[in-house]
């Protein structure tokens, strides 16, 4: 496992969705799709950690090295990205 975690963001064309790419493997399975908090709350450990630890996530898709995050309306991306970065760092390191 890497001693550090990097993240990069990419716009999706939808103002309420953002792709977050990381150097850490997030899942070995096919894409994990969580349409709301209730699904994420009983999902994989990463999904549970993100839904419970990052305010403003409405939906989440997890692939091998990326997260497709859909935010709650009026939640600033800066806050979500910073919290996701911190949560992933705590999870992996």
C-alpha atoms as a PDB file:
ATOM      1  CA  UNK A   1       0.000   0.000   0.000  1.00  0.00           C
ATOM      2  CA  UNK A   2       1.185   3.472  -0.815  1.00  0.00           C
ATOM      3  CA  UNK A   3       2.331   5.700   2.037  1.00  0.00           C
ATOM      4  CA  UNK A   4       0.269   8.574   0.698  1.00  0.00           C
ATOM      5  CA  UNK A   5      -3.040   9.130  -0.996  1.00  0.00           C
ATOM      6  CA  UNK A   6      -3.616  11.392  -3.950  1.00  0.00           C
ATOM      7  CA  UNK A   7      -6.906  12.584  -5.315  1.00  0.00           C
ATOM      8  CA  UNK A   8      -7.796  14.379  -8.495  1.00  0.00           C
ATOM      9  CA  UNK A   9     -11.198  15.762  -9.437  1.00  0.00           C
ATOM     10  CA  UNK A  10     -12.868  15.767 -12.834  1.00  0.00           C
ATOM     11  CA  UNK A  11     -16.089  17.512 -13.790  1.00  0.00           C
ATOM     12  CA  UNK A  12     -18.821  15.315 -15.226  1.00  0.00           C
ATOM     13  CA  UNK A  13     -20.931  17.824 -17.117  1.00  0.00           C
ATOM     14  CA  UNK A  14     -23.497  17.750 -14.289  1.00  0.00           C
ATOM     15  CA  UNK A  15     -23.025  20.541 -11.745  1.00  0.00           C
ATOM     16  CA  UNK A  16     -24.167  18.233  -8.929  1.00  0.00           C
ATOM     17  CA  UNK A  17     -21.828  15.308  -9.789  1.00  0.00           C
ATOM     18  CA  UNK A  18     -18.048  15.120  -9.629  1.00  0.00           C
ATOM     19  CA  UNK A  19     -15.576  12.310 -10.254  1.00  0.00           C
ATOM     20  CA  UNK A  20     -12.844  11.892  -7.647  1.00  0.00           C
ATOM     21  CA  UNK A  21      -9.906   9.737  -8.742  1.00  0.00           C
ATOM     22  CA  UNK A  22      -7.414   8.262  -6.268  1.00  0.00           C
ATOM     23  CA  UNK A  23      -4.225   6.234  -6.341  1.00  0.00           C
ATOM     24  CA  UNK A  24      -5.669   3.724  -3.842  1.00  0.00           C
ATOM     25  CA  UNK A  25      -7.840   0.777  -4.913  1.00  0.00           C
ATOM     26  CA  UNK A  26     -11.372   1.415  -3.673  1.00  0.00           C
ATOM     27  CA  UNK A  27     -13.031  -1.853  -4.704  1.00  0.00           C
ATOM     28  CA  UNK A  28     -12.094  -5.089  -6.397  1.00  0.00           C
ATOM     29  CA  UNK A  29     -15.699  -5.766  -7.325  1.00  0.00           C
ATOM     30  CA  UNK A  30     -17.740  -4.322 -10.151  1.00  0.00           C
ATOM     31  CA  UNK A  31     -18.980  -0.787  -9.625  1.00  0.00           C
ATOM     32  CA  UNK A  32     -20.790  -0.256  -6.346  1.00  0.00           C
ATOM     33  CA  UNK A  33     -23.813   1.996  -6.813  1.00  0.00           C
ATOM     34  CA  UNK A  34     -25.498   3.696  -3.870  1.00  0.00           C
ATOM     35  CA  UNK A  35     -28.473   5.832  -4.869  1.00  0.00           C
ATOM     36  CA  UNK A  36     -29.024   7.343  -1.429  1.00  0.00           C
ATOM     37  CA  UNK A  37     -27.853   7.406   2.189  1.00  0.00           C
ATOM     38  CA  UNK A  38     -29.860   4.331   3.195  1.00  0.00           C
ATOM     39  CA  UNK A  39     -28.166   2.184   0.527  1.00  0.00           C
ATOM     40  CA  UNK A  40     -24.719   3.554   1.381  1.00  0.00           C
ATOM     41  CA  UNK A  41     -25.266   3.082   5.104  1.00  0.00           C
ATOM     42  CA  UNK A  42     -25.416  -0.703   4.594  1.00  0.00           C
ATOM     43  CA  UNK A  43     -22.920  -0.828   1.719  1.00  0.00           C
ATOM     44  CA  UNK A  44     -19.194  -1.530   1.632  1.00  0.00           C
ATOM     45  CA  UNK A  45     -16.968  -0.165   4.433  1.00  0.00           C
ATOM     46  CA  UNK A  46     -15.837   2.718   2.188  1.00  0.00           C
ATOM     47  CA  UNK A  47     -19.424   3.621   1.291  1.00  0.00           C
ATOM     48  CA  UNK A  48     -20.463   3.545   4.942  1.00  0.00           C
ATOM     49  CA  UNK A  49     -17.483   5.676   5.943  1.00  0.00           C
ATOM     50  CA  UNK A  50     -18.184   8.281   3.242  1.00  0.00           C
ATOM     51  CA  UNK A  51     -21.949   8.521   3.721  1.00  0.00           C
ATOM     52  CA  UNK A  52     -21.590   8.759   7.504  1.00  0.00           C
ATOM     53  CA  UNK A  53     -18.511  10.974   7.561  1.00  0.00           C
ATOM     54  CA  UNK A  54     -18.933  13.417   4.680  1.00  0.00           C
ATOM     55  CA  UNK A  55     -21.842  15.833   4.814  1.00  0.00           C
ATOM     56  CA  UNK A  56     -23.624  16.541   1.546  1.00  0.00           C
ATOM     57  CA  UNK A  57     -23.235  13.252  -0.347  1.00  0.00           C
ATOM     58  CA  UNK A  58     -26.572  12.328  -1.930  1.00  0.00           C
ATOM     59  CA  UNK A  59     -25.432   9.368  -4.077  1.00  0.00           C
ATOM     60  CA  UNK A  60     -22.179   7.545  -4.736  1.00  0.00           C
ATOM     61  CA  UNK A  61     -20.709   5.159  -7.291  1.00  0.00           C
ATOM     62  CA  UNK A  62     -17.444   3.457  -6.369  1.00  0.00           C
ATOM     63  CA  UNK A  63     -15.161   1.927  -9.010  1.00  0.00           C
ATOM     64  CA  UNK A  64     -11.625   0.580  -8.723  1.00  0.00           C
ATOM     65  CA  UNK A  65      -9.900   3.972  -8.499  1.00  0.00           C
ATOM     66  CA  UNK A  66     -12.681   6.550  -8.542  1.00  0.00           C
ATOM     67  CA  UNK A  67     -15.754   7.866  -6.801  1.00  0.00           C
ATOM     68  CA  UNK A  68     -18.627   9.445  -8.669  1.00  0.00           C
ATOM     69  CA  UNK A  69     -20.162  11.709  -6.050  1.00  0.00           C
ATOM     70  CA  UNK A  70     -23.551  13.364  -6.394  1.00  0.00           C
ATOM     71  CA  UNK A  71     -24.014  16.142  -3.875  1.00  0.00           C
ATOM     72  CA  UNK A  72     -27.004  17.456  -2.004  1.00  0.00           C
ATOM     73  CA  UNK A  73     -28.194  20.757  -3.493  1.00  0.00           C
ATOM     74  CA  UNK A  74     -26.373  23.824  -2.185  1.00  0.00           C
ATOM     75  CA  UNK A  75     -23.496  21.820  -0.657  1.00  0.00           C
ATOM     76  CA  UNK A  76     -20.197  23.372  -1.782  1.00  0.00           C
ATOM     77  CA  UNK A  77     -17.860  21.040  -3.663  1.00  0.00           C
ATOM     78  CA  UNK A  78     -14.847  22.367  -1.772  1.00  0.00           C
ATOM     79  CA  UNK A  79     -16.199  21.040   1.521  1.00  0.00           C
ATOM     80  CA  UNK A  80     -17.078  17.639   0.079  1.00  0.00           C
ATOM     81  CA  UNK A  81     -13.720  17.184  -1.677  1.00  0.00           C
ATOM     82  CA  UNK A  82     -11.761  18.205   1.434  1.00  0.00           C
ATOM     83  CA  UNK A  83     -13.787  15.857   3.638  1.00  0.00           C
ATOM     84  CA  UNK A  84     -13.499  12.962   1.150  1.00  0.00           C
ATOM     85  CA  UNK A  85      -9.708  13.472   0.989  1.00  0.00           C
ATOM     86  CA  UNK A  86      -9.432  13.440   4.785  1.00  0.00           C
ATOM     87  CA  UNK A  87     -11.763  10.442   5.135  1.00  0.00           C
ATOM     88  CA  UNK A  88      -9.855   8.394   2.548  1.00  0.00           C
ATOM     89  CA  UNK A  89      -6.529   9.285   4.156  1.00  0.00           C
ATOM     90  CA  UNK A  90      -7.817   8.126   7.545  1.00  0.00           C
ATOM     91  CA  UNK A  91      -9.294   4.971   6.001  1.00  0.00           C
ATOM     92  CA  UNK A  92      -6.138   3.890   4.159  1.00  0.00           C
ATOM     93  CA  UNK A  93      -3.279   5.232   6.270  1.00  0.00           C
END
